[in-house]
Amino acid sequence: MLEEADSGKVLYFDWYLLPIGRMMKFYSVILNMFGKEGPVPEGMSAEAALKNINYSDTHDQIKSKLIFLADQFKIQKGYKPPYWELVSLARQVRDEVNK
């Protein structure tokens, strides 16, 4: 995912979640006034929080599929995949998830 960070690809969020994100931001502001932490960090907009959630979900999907493929590699070949093979598998999974 870091390889694509400078490619101009825009992070997105589901527009219909924006009202909920704004309510969570408001809730976080109230909690911050009382010295507590809310679900949306201070200084982060509701839009940025929703983009972060989407990015994290994508990362989790890639990670779980990559772990599965790495385990399959180990079962088939009898050894853990080397670094370059993990990178190749990660790129493959990233491209599948981003379709």
PDB file of N, CA and C in Angstrom:
ATOM      1  N   MET A   1       0.825  -1.185   0.000  1.00  0.00           N
ATOM      2  CA  MET A   1       0.000   0.000   0.000  1.00  0.00           C
ATOM      3  C   MET A   1       0.873   1.253   0.000  1.00  0.00           C
ATOM      4  N   LEU A   2       2.022   1.165   0.639  1.00  0.00           N
ATOM      5  CA  LEU A   2       2.924   2.320   0.654  1.00  0.00           C
ATOM      6  C   LEU A   2       3.477   2.628  -0.732  1.00  0.00           C
ATOM      7  N   GLU A   3       3.615   1.608  -1.564  1.00  0.00           N
ATOM      8  CA  GLU A   3       4.087   1.841  -2.925  1.00  0.00           C
ATOM      9  C   GLU A   3       3.137   2.739  -3.703  1.00  0.00           C
ATOM     10  N   GLU A   4       1.865   2.682  -3.392  1.00  0.00           N
ATOM     11  CA  GLU A   4       0.865   3.485  -4.079  1.00  0.00           C
ATOM     12  C   GLU A   4       0.654   4.856  -3.445  1.00  0.00           C
ATOM     13  N   ALA A   5       1.307   5.122  -2.331  1.00  0.00           N
ATOM     14  CA  ALA A   5       1.052   6.349  -1.588  1.00  0.00           C
ATOM     15  C   ALA A   5       1.359   7.600  -2.395  1.00  0.00           C
ATOM     16  N   ASP A   6       2.345   7.557  -3.251  1.00  0.00           N
ATOM     17  CA  ASP A   6       2.744   8.730  -4.016  1.00  0.00           C
ATOM     18  C   ASP A   6       2.239   8.683  -5.456  1.00  0.00           C
ATOM     19  N   SER A   7       1.292   7.809  -5.731  1.00  0.00           N
ATOM     20  CA  SER A   7       0.826   7.622  -7.108  1.00  0.00           C
ATOM     21  C   SER A   7      -0.311   8.557  -7.486  1.00  0.00           C
ATOM     22  N   GLY A   8      -0.781   9.338  -6.543  1.00  0.00           N
ATOM     23  CA  GLY A   8      -1.901  10.231  -6.817  1.00  0.00           C
ATOM     24  C   GLY A   8      -3.252   9.590  -6.561  1.00  0.00           C
ATOM     25  N   LYS A   9      -3.252   8.349  -6.102  1.00  0.00           N
ATOM     26  CA  LYS A   9      -4.500   7.666  -5.796  1.00  0.00           C
ATOM     27  C   LYS A   9      -5.174   8.357  -4.612  1.00  0.00           C
ATOM     28  N   VAL A  10      -6.449   8.630  -4.742  1.00  0.00           N
ATOM     29  CA  VAL A  10      -7.194   9.360  -3.731  1.00  0.00           C
ATOM     30  C   VAL A  10      -7.889   8.380  -2.787  1.00  0.00           C
ATOM     31  N   LEU A  11      -7.750   8.632  -1.501  1.00  0.00           N
ATOM     32  CA  LEU A  11      -8.483   7.833  -0.520  1.00  0.00           C
ATOM     33  C   LEU A  11      -9.945   8.268  -0.543  1.00  0.00           C
ATOM     34  N   TYR A  12     -10.826   7.351  -0.327  1.00  0.00           N
ATOM     35  CA  TYR A  12     -12.243   7.677  -0.365  1.00  0.00           C
ATOM     36  C   TYR A  12     -12.929   7.136   0.878  1.00  0.00           C
ATOM     37  N   PHE A  13     -14.169   7.561   1.035  1.00  0.00           N
ATOM     38  CA  PHE A  13     -15.017   7.033   2.095  1.00  0.00           C
ATOM     39  C   PHE A  13     -16.433   6.986   1.545  1.00  0.00           C
ATOM     40  N   ASP A  14     -17.267   6.210   2.182  1.00  0.00           N
ATOM     41  CA  ASP A  14     -18.667   6.111   1.769  1.00  0.00           C
ATOM     42  C   ASP A  14     -19.403   7.366   2.228  1.00  0.00           C
ATOM     43  N   TRP A  15     -19.889   8.147   1.286  1.00  0.00           N
ATOM     44  CA  TRP A  15     -20.494   9.439   1.564  1.00  0.00           C
ATOM     45  C   TRP A  15     -21.660   9.357   2.547  1.00  0.00           C
ATOM     46  N   TYR A  16     -22.389   8.258   2.513  1.00  0.00           N
ATOM     47  CA  TYR A  16     -23.555   8.136   3.384  1.00  0.00           C
ATOM     48  C   TYR A  16     -23.176   7.957   4.857  1.00  0.00           C
ATOM     49  N   LEU A  17     -21.898   7.698   5.132  1.00  0.00           N
ATOM     50  CA  LEU A  17     -21.444   7.576   6.520  1.00  0.00           C
ATOM     51  C   LEU A  17     -21.024   8.923   7.114  1.00  0.00           C
ATOM     52  N   LEU A  18     -20.992   9.967   6.282  1.00  0.00           N
ATOM     53  CA  LEU A  18     -20.527  11.269   6.753  1.00  0.00           C
ATOM     54  C   LEU A  18     -21.342  11.827   7.925  1.00  0.00           C
ATOM     55  N   PRO A  19     -22.673  11.755   7.923  1.00  0.00           N
ATOM     56  CA  PRO A  19     -23.407  12.245   9.105  1.00  0.00           C
ATOM     57  C   PRO A  19     -23.017  11.513  10.395  1.00  0.00           C
ATOM     58  N   ILE A  20     -22.813  10.211  10.291  1.00  0.00           N
ATOM     59  CA  ILE A  20     -22.399   9.438  11.475  1.00  0.00           C
ATOM     60  C   ILE A  20     -20.993   9.854  11.899  1.00  0.00           C
ATOM     61  N   GLY A  21     -20.101  10.043  10.918  1.00  0.00           N
ATOM     62  CA  GLY A  21     -18.743  10.500  11.220  1.00  0.00           C
ATOM     63  C   GLY A  21     -18.735  11.852  11.904  1.00  0.00           C
ATOM     64  N   ARG A  22     -19.616  12.734  11.458  1.00  0.00           N
ATOM     65  CA  ARG A  22     -19.687  14.066  12.081  1.00  0.00           C
ATOM     66  C   ARG A  22     -20.240  13.986  13.498  1.00  0.00           C
ATOM     67  N   MET A  23     -21.188  13.083  13.725  1.00  0.00           N
ATOM     68  CA  MET A  23     -21.695  12.901  15.090  1.00  0.00           C
ATOM     69  C   MET A  23     -20.591  12.354  15.999  1.00  0.00           C
ATOM     70  N   MET A  24     -19.786  11.427  15.475  1.00  0.00           N
ATOM     71  CA  MET A  24     -18.681  10.884  16.267  1.00  0.00           C
ATOM     72  C   MET A  24     -17.631  11.962  16.542  1.00  0.00           C
ATOM     73  N   LYS A  25     -17.405  12.847  15.583  1.00  0.00           N
ATOM     74  CA  LYS A  25     -16.473  13.950  15.787  1.00  0.00           C
ATOM     75  C   LYS A  25     -16.999  14.878  16.874  1.00  0.00           C
ATOM     76  N   PHE A  26     -18.284  15.209  16.828  1.00  0.00           N
ATOM     77  CA  PHE A  26     -18.891  16.063  17.850  1.00  0.00           C
ATOM     78  C   PHE A  26     -18.777  15.414  19.226  1.00  0.00           C
ATOM     79  N   TYR A  27     -19.050  14.126  19.290  1.00  0.00           N
ATOM     80  CA  TYR A  27     -18.925  13.375  20.538  1.00  0.00           C
ATOM     81  C   TYR A  27     -17.477  13.438  21.053  1.00  0.00           C
ATOM     82  N   SER A  28     -16.525  13.328  20.145  1.00  0.00           N
ATOM     83  CA  SER A  28     -15.115  13.385  20.524  1.00  0.00           C
ATOM     84  C   SER A  28     -14.742  14.762  21.065  1.00  0.00           C
ATOM     85  N   VAL A  29     -15.283  15.824  20.465  1.00  0.00           N
ATOM     86  CA  VAL A  29     -15.017  17.182  20.938  1.00  0.00           C
ATOM     87  C   VAL A  29     -15.535  17.346  22.358  1.00  0.00           C
ATOM     88  N   ILE A  30     -16.727  16.850  22.615  1.00  0.00           N
ATOM     89  CA  ILE A  30     -17.298  16.932  23.973  1.00  0.00           C
ATOM     90  C   ILE A  30     -16.415  16.179  24.970  1.00  0.00           C
ATOM     91  N   LEU A  31     -15.989  14.968  24.601  1.00  0.00           N
ATOM     92  CA  LEU A  31     -15.125  14.201  25.500  1.00  0.00           C
ATOM     93  C   LEU A  31     -13.790  14.918  25.726  1.00  0.00           C
ATOM     94  N   ASN A  32     -13.242  15.519  24.680  1.00  0.00           N
ATOM     95  CA  ASN A  32     -11.977  16.253  24.814  1.00  0.00           C
ATOM     96  C   ASN A  32     -12.107  17.420  25.780  1.00  0.00           C
ATOM     97  N   MET A  33     -13.273  18.035  25.812  1.00  0.00           N
ATOM     98  CA  MET A  33     -13.493  19.153  26.740  1.00  0.00           C
ATOM     99  C   MET A  33     -13.382  18.696  28.189  1.00  0.00           C
ATOM    100  N   PHE A  34     -13.663  17.436  28.443  1.00  0.00           N
ATOM    101  CA  PHE A  34     -13.578  16.883  29.786  1.00  0.00           C
ATOM    102  C   PHE A  34     -12.290  16.084  30.010  1.00  0.00           C
ATOM    103  N   GLY A  35     -11.323  16.240  29.096  1.00  0.00           N
ATOM    104  CA  GLY A  35     -10.023  15.603  29.257  1.00  0.00           C
ATOM    105  C   GLY A  35      -9.979  14.138  28.875  1.00  0.00           C
ATOM    106  N   LYS A  36     -10.957  13.673  28.141  1.00  0.00           N
ATOM    107  CA  LYS A  36     -10.984  12.277  27.723  1.00  0.00           C
ATOM    108  C   LYS A  36     -10.782  12.193  26.213  1.00  0.00           C
ATOM    109  N   GLU A  37     -10.440  10.982  25.744  1.00  0.00           N
ATOM    110  CA  GLU A  37     -10.240  10.767  24.319  1.00  0.00           C
ATOM    111  C   GLU A  37     -11.495  10.214  23.686  1.00  0.00           C
ATOM    112  N   GLY A  38     -11.793  10.707  22.502  1.00  0.00           N
ATOM    113  CA  GLY A  38     -12.944  10.217  21.759  1.00  0.00           C
ATOM    114  C   GLY A  38     -12.503   9.338  20.604  1.00  0.00           C
ATOM    115  N   PRO A  39     -13.466   8.831  19.836  1.00  0.00           N
ATOM    116  CA  PRO A  39     -13.135   7.945  18.718  1.00  0.00           C
ATOM    117  C   PRO A  39     -12.447   8.667  17.554  1.00  0.00           C
ATOM    118  N   VAL A  40     -12.666   9.972  17.412  1.00  0.00           N
ATOM    119  CA  VAL A  40     -12.007  10.751  16.366  1.00  0.00           C
ATOM    120  C   VAL A  40     -10.976  11.645  17.044  1.00  0.00           C
ATOM    121  N   PRO A  41      -9.687  11.462  16.731  1.00  0.00           N
ATOM    122  CA  PRO A  41      -8.642  12.232  17.405  1.00  0.00           C
ATOM    123  C   PRO A  41      -8.797  13.741  17.205  1.00  0.00           C
ATOM    124  N   GLU A  42      -8.335  14.475  18.177  1.00  0.00           N
ATOM    125  CA  GLU A  42      -8.372  15.926  18.103  1.00  0.00           C
ATOM    126  C   GLU A  42      -7.565  16.395  16.895  1.00  0.00           C
ATOM    127  N   GLY A  43      -8.137  17.289  16.110  1.00  0.00           N
ATOM    128  CA  GLY A  43      -7.462  17.789  14.927  1.00  0.00           C
ATOM    129  C   GLY A  43      -7.772  17.009  13.657  1.00  0.00           C
ATOM    130  N   MET A  44      -8.431  15.884  13.786  1.00  0.00           N
ATOM    131  CA  MET A  44      -8.793  15.070  12.615  1.00  0.00           C
ATOM    132  C   MET A  44     -10.250  15.355  12.251  1.00  0.00           C
ATOM    133  N   SER A  45     -10.494  15.566  10.968  1.00  0.00           N
ATOM    134  CA  SER A  45     -11.864  15.818  10.520  1.00  0.00           C
ATOM    135  C   SER A  45     -12.639  14.499  10.444  1.00  0.00           C
ATOM    136  N   ALA A  46     -13.948  14.632  10.352  1.00  0.00           N
ATOM    137  CA  ALA A  46     -14.789  13.440  10.204  1.00  0.00           C
ATOM    138  C   ALA A  46     -14.464  12.732   8.895  1.00  0.00           C
ATOM    139  N   GLU A  47     -14.206  13.509   7.829  1.00  0.00           N
ATOM    140  CA  GLU A  47     -13.861  12.921   6.536  1.00  0.00           C
ATOM    141  C   GLU A  47     -12.566  12.125   6.629  1.00  0.00           C
ATOM    142  N   ALA A  48     -11.557  12.700   7.288  1.00  0.00           N
ATOM    143  CA  ALA A  48     -10.271  12.009   7.440  1.00  0.00           C
ATOM    144  C   ALA A  48     -10.430  10.740   8.274  1.00  0.00           C
ATOM    145  N   ALA A  49     -11.278  10.786   9.297  1.00  0.00           N
ATOM    146  CA  ALA A  49     -11.509   9.603  10.125  1.00  0.00           C
ATOM    147  C   ALA A  49     -12.157   8.491   9.305  1.00  0.00           C
ATOM    148  N   LEU A  50     -13.123   8.850   8.452  1.00  0.00           N
ATOM    149  CA  LEU A  50     -13.773   7.842   7.617  1.00  0.00           C
ATOM    150  C   LEU A  50     -12.803   7.273   6.585  1.00  0.00           C
ATOM    151  N   LYS A  51     -11.937   8.116   6.033  1.00  0.00           N
ATOM    152  CA  LYS A  51     -10.922   7.627   5.095  1.00  0.00           C
ATOM    153  C   LYS A  51      -9.966   6.672   5.798  1.00  0.00           C
ATOM    154  N   ASN A  52      -9.610   6.998   7.049  1.00  0.00           N
ATOM    155  CA  ASN A  52      -8.722   6.146   7.832  1.00  0.00           C
ATOM    156  C   ASN A  52      -9.366   4.785   8.096  1.00  0.00           C
ATOM    157  N   ILE A  53     -10.648   4.782   8.398  1.00  0.00           N
ATOM    158  CA  ILE A  53     -11.358   3.530   8.645  1.00  0.00           C
ATOM    159  C   ILE A  53     -11.352   2.671   7.382  1.00  0.00           C
ATOM    160  N   ASN A  54     -11.632   3.289   6.240  1.00  0.00           N
ATOM    161  CA  ASN A  54     -11.643   2.554   4.974  1.00  0.00           C
ATOM    162  C   ASN A  54     -10.252   2.005   4.654  1.00  0.00           C
ATOM    163  N   TYR A  55      -9.228   2.835   4.855  1.00  0.00           N
ATOM    164  CA  TYR A  55      -7.850   2.410   4.603  1.00  0.00           C
ATOM    165  C   TYR A  55      -7.476   1.237   5.511  1.00  0.00           C
ATOM    166  N   SER A  56      -7.849   1.329   6.779  1.00  0.00           N
ATOM    167  CA  SER A  56      -7.542   0.257   7.738  1.00  0.00           C
ATOM    168  C   SER A  56      -8.257  -1.040   7.369  1.00  0.00           C
ATOM    169  N   ASP A  57      -9.508  -0.931   6.913  1.00  0.00           N
ATOM    170  CA  ASP A  57     -10.247  -2.127   6.492  1.00  0.00           C
ATOM    171  C   ASP A  57      -9.573  -2.795   5.295  1.00  0.00           C
ATOM    172  N   THR A  58      -9.136  -1.969   4.332  1.00  0.00           N
ATOM    173  CA  THR A  58      -8.430  -2.506   3.164  1.00  0.00           C
ATOM    174  C   THR A  58      -7.139  -3.189   3.591  1.00  0.00           C
ATOM    175  N   HIS A  59      -6.402  -2.558   4.505  1.00  0.00           N
ATOM    176  CA  HIS A  59      -5.160  -3.136   5.013  1.00  0.00           C
ATOM    177  C   HIS A  59      -5.421  -4.484   5.677  1.00  0.00           C
ATOM    178  N   ASP A  60      -6.466  -4.545   6.474  1.00  0.00           N
ATOM    179  CA  ASP A  60      -6.794  -5.799   7.163  1.00  0.00           C
ATOM    180  C   ASP A  60      -7.152  -6.912   6.176  1.00  0.00           C
ATOM    181  N   GLN A  61      -7.868  -6.573   5.109  1.00  0.00           N
ATOM    182  CA  GLN A  61      -8.198  -7.564   4.083  1.00  0.00           C
ATOM    183  C   GLN A  61      -6.925  -8.091   3.419  1.00  0.00           C
ATOM    184  N   ILE A  62      -6.040  -7.165   3.055  1.00  0.00           N
ATOM    185  CA  ILE A  62      -4.789  -7.561   2.408  1.00  0.00           C
ATOM    186  C   ILE A  62      -3.966  -8.435   3.348  1.00  0.00           C
ATOM    187  N   LYS A  63      -3.888  -8.035   4.598  1.00  0.00           N
ATOM    188  CA  LYS A  63      -3.088  -8.777   5.573  1.00  0.00           C
ATOM    189  C   LYS A  63      -3.595 -10.201   5.753  1.00  0.00           C
ATOM    190  N   SER A  64      -4.907 -10.361   5.898  1.00  0.00           N
ATOM    191  CA  SER A  64      -5.436 -11.715   6.128  1.00  0.00           C
ATOM    192  C   SER A  64      -5.223 -12.603   4.904  1.00  0.00           C
ATOM    193  N   LYS A  65      -5.414 -12.055   3.698  1.00  0.00           N
ATOM    194  CA  LYS A  65      -5.195 -12.848   2.492  1.00  0.00           C
ATOM    195  C   LYS A  65      -3.721 -13.181   2.306  1.00  0.00           C
ATOM    196  N   LEU A  66      -2.854 -12.238   2.652  1.00  0.00           N
ATOM    197  CA  LEU A  66      -1.414 -12.473   2.530  1.00  0.00           C
ATOM    198  C   LEU A  66      -0.952 -13.552   3.502  1.00  0.00           C
ATOM    199  N   ILE A  67      -1.448 -13.527   4.713  1.00  0.00           N
ATOM    200  CA  ILE A  67      -1.101 -14.560   5.691  1.00  0.00           C
ATOM    201  C   ILE A  67      -1.548 -15.931   5.182  1.00  0.00           C
ATOM    202  N   PHE A  68      -2.748 -15.987   4.609  1.00  0.00           N
ATOM    203  CA  PHE A  68      -3.244 -17.248   4.053  1.00  0.00           C
ATOM    204  C   PHE A  68      -2.324 -17.745   2.934  1.00  0.00           C
ATOM    205  N   LEU A  69      -1.961 -16.851   2.000  1.00  0.00           N
ATOM    206  CA  LEU A  69      -1.094 -17.253   0.890  1.00  0.00           C
ATOM    207  C   LEU A  69       0.296 -17.655   1.374  1.00  0.00           C
ATOM    208  N   ALA A  70       0.818 -16.969   2.385  1.00  0.00           N
ATOM    209  CA  ALA A  70       2.128 -17.317   2.931  1.00  0.00           C
ATOM    210  C   ALA A  70       2.078 -18.706   3.583  1.00  0.00           C
ATOM    211  N   ASP A  71       0.982 -18.989   4.262  1.00  0.00           N
ATOM    212  CA  ASP A  71       0.818 -20.319   4.861  1.00  0.00           C
ATOM    213  C   ASP A  71       0.719 -21.396   3.782  1.00  0.00           C
ATOM    214  N   GLN A  72      -0.004 -21.089   2.699  1.00  0.00           N
ATOM    215  CA  GLN A  72      -0.108 -22.025   1.585  1.00  0.00           C
ATOM    216  C   GLN A  72       1.266 -22.276   0.956  1.00  0.00           C
ATOM    217  N   PHE A  73       2.056 -21.231   0.817  1.00  0.00           N
ATOM    218  CA  PHE A  73       3.410 -21.350   0.275  1.00  0.00           C
ATOM    219  C   PHE A  73       4.236 -22.283   1.155  1.00  0.00           C
ATOM    220  N   LYS A  74       4.136 -22.082   2.472  1.00  0.00           N
ATOM    221  CA  LYS A  74       4.908 -22.907   3.409  1.00  0.00           C
ATOM    222  C   LYS A  74       4.485 -24.373   3.333  1.00  0.00           C
ATOM    223  N   ILE A  75       3.196 -24.612   3.199  1.00  0.00           N
ATOM    224  CA  ILE A  75       2.699 -25.991   3.101  1.00  0.00           C
ATOM    225  C   ILE A  75       3.202 -26.645   1.817  1.00  0.00           C
ATOM    226  N   GLN A  76       3.150 -25.917   0.700  1.00  0.00           N
ATOM    227  CA  GLN A  76       3.538 -26.474  -0.592  1.00  0.00           C
ATOM    228  C   GLN A  76       5.039 -26.682  -0.723  1.00  0.00           C
ATOM    229  N   LYS A  77       5.834 -25.716  -0.242  1.00  0.00           N
ATOM    230  CA  LYS A  77       7.275 -25.765  -0.479  1.00  0.00           C
ATOM    231  C   LYS A  77       8.073 -26.253   0.721  1.00  0.00           C
ATOM    232  N   GLY A  78       7.463 -26.243   1.905  1.00  0.00           N
ATOM    233  CA  GLY A  78       8.152 -26.750   3.085  1.00  0.00           C
ATOM    234  C   GLY A  78       9.014 -25.729   3.806  1.00  0.00           C
ATOM    235  N   TYR A  79       8.981 -24.484   3.379  1.00  0.00           N
ATOM    236  CA  TYR A  79       9.722 -23.427   4.065  1.00  0.00           C
ATOM    237  C   TYR A  79       8.960 -22.118   3.936  1.00  0.00           C
ATOM    238  N   LYS A  80       9.263 -21.195   4.829  1.00  0.00           N
ATOM    239  CA  LYS A  80       8.596 -19.900   4.795  1.00  0.00           C
ATOM    240  C   LYS A  80       8.995 -19.139   3.531  1.00  0.00           C
ATOM    241  N   PRO A  81       8.065 -18.384   2.961  1.00  0.00           N
ATOM    242  CA  PRO A  81       8.425 -17.639   1.751  1.00  0.00           C
ATOM    243  C   PRO A  81       9.471 -16.569   2.054  1.00  0.00           C
ATOM    244  N   PRO A  82      10.473 -16.443   1.190  1.00  0.00           N
ATOM    245  CA  PRO A  82      11.465 -15.391   1.384  1.00  0.00           C
ATOM    246  C   PRO A  82      10.851 -14.007   1.150  1.00  0.00           C
ATOM    247  N   TYR A  83      11.595 -12.999   1.525  1.00  0.00           N
ATOM    248  CA  TYR A  83      11.107 -11.622   1.458  1.00  0.00           C
ATOM    249  C   TYR A  83      10.555 -11.277   0.081  1.00  0.00           C
ATOM    250  N   TRP A  84      11.312 -11.552  -0.969  1.00  0.00           N
ATOM    251  CA  TRP A  84      10.881 -11.162  -2.317  1.00  0.00           C
ATOM    252  C   TRP A  84       9.598 -11.874  -2.730  1.00  0.00           C
ATOM    253  N   GLU A  85       9.404 -13.071  -2.232  1.00  0.00           N
ATOM    254  CA  GLU A  85       8.163 -13.795  -2.530  1.00  0.00           C
ATOM    255  C   GLU A  85       6.992 -13.172  -1.770  1.00  0.00           C
ATOM    256  N   LEU A  86       7.238 -12.767  -0.514  1.00  0.00           N
ATOM    257  CA  LEU A  86       6.190 -12.084   0.251  1.00  0.00           C
ATOM    258  C   LEU A  86       5.785 -10.777  -0.414  1.00  0.00           C
ATOM    259  N   VAL A  87       6.774 -10.032  -0.930  1.00  0.00           N
ATOM    260  CA  VAL A  87       6.476  -8.773  -1.619  1.00  0.00           C
ATOM    261  C   VAL A  87       5.626  -9.048  -2.857  1.00  0.00           C
ATOM    262  N   SER A  88       5.985 -10.073  -3.597  1.00  0.00           N
ATOM    263  CA  SER A  88       5.222 -10.440  -4.791  1.00  0.00           C
ATOM    264  C   SER A  88       3.795 -10.842  -4.429  1.00  0.00           C
ATOM    265  N   LEU A  89       3.652 -11.643  -3.399  1.00  0.00           N
ATOM    266  CA  LEU A  89       2.320 -12.051  -2.953  1.00  0.00           C
ATOM    267  C   LEU A  89       1.507 -10.854  -2.467  1.00  0.00           C
ATOM    268  N   ALA A  90       2.163  -9.948  -1.741  1.00  0.00           N
ATOM    269  CA  ALA A  90       1.474  -8.760  -1.231  1.00  0.00           C
ATOM    270  C   ALA A  90       0.975  -7.887  -2.382  1.00  0.00           C
ATOM    271  N   ARG A  91       1.779  -7.721  -3.409  1.00  0.00           N
ATOM    272  CA  ARG A  91       1.352  -6.932  -4.574  1.00  0.00           C
ATOM    273  C   ARG A  91       0.171  -7.606  -5.271  1.00  0.00           C
ATOM    274  N   GLN A  92       0.228  -8.919  -5.375  1.00  0.00           N
ATOM    275  CA  GLN A  92      -0.866  -9.669  -5.999  1.00  0.00           C
ATOM    276  C   GLN A  92      -2.169  -9.466  -5.231  1.00  0.00           C
ATOM    277  N   VAL A  93      -2.109  -9.603  -3.926  1.00  0.00           N
ATOM    278  CA  VAL A  93      -3.301  -9.454  -3.090  1.00  0.00           C
ATOM    279  C   VAL A  93      -3.795  -8.012  -3.139  1.00  0.00           C
ATOM    280  N   ARG A  94      -2.896  -7.045  -3.077  1.00  0.00           N
ATOM    281  CA  ARG A  94      -3.278  -5.634  -3.136  1.00  0.00           C
ATOM    282  C   ARG A  94      -4.045  -5.339  -4.421  1.00  0.00           C
ATOM    283  N   ASP A  95      -3.555  -5.869  -5.524  1.00  0.00           N
ATOM    284  CA  ASP A  95      -4.224  -5.634  -6.804  1.00  0.00           C
ATOM    285  C   ASP A  95      -5.585  -6.298  -6.866  1.00  0.00           C
ATOM    286  N   GLU A  96      -5.728  -7.466  -6.242  1.00  0.00           N
ATOM    287  CA  GLU A  96      -7.018  -8.151  -6.189  1.00  0.00           C
ATOM    288  C   GLU A  96      -8.019  -7.362  -5.358  1.00  0.00           C
ATOM    289  N   VAL A  97      -7.570  -6.864  -4.222  1.00  0.00           N
ATOM    290  CA  VAL A  97      -8.457  -6.143  -3.303  1.00  0.00           C
ATOM    291  C   VAL A  97      -8.870  -4.791  -3.900  1.00  0.00           C
ATOM    292  N   ASN A  98      -7.975  -4.156  -4.626  1.00  0.00           N
ATOM    293  CA  ASN A  98      -8.261  -2.816  -5.173  1.00  0.00           C
ATOM    294  C   ASN A  98      -9.067  -2.843  -6.467  1.00  0.00           C
ATOM    295  N   LYS A  99      -9.451  -4.000  -6.947  1.00  0.00           N
ATOM    296  CA  LYS A  99     -10.239  -4.055  -8.196  1.00  0.00           C
ATOM    297  C   LYS A  99     -11.624  -3.575  -7.993  1.00  0.00           C
TER     298      LYS A  99
END
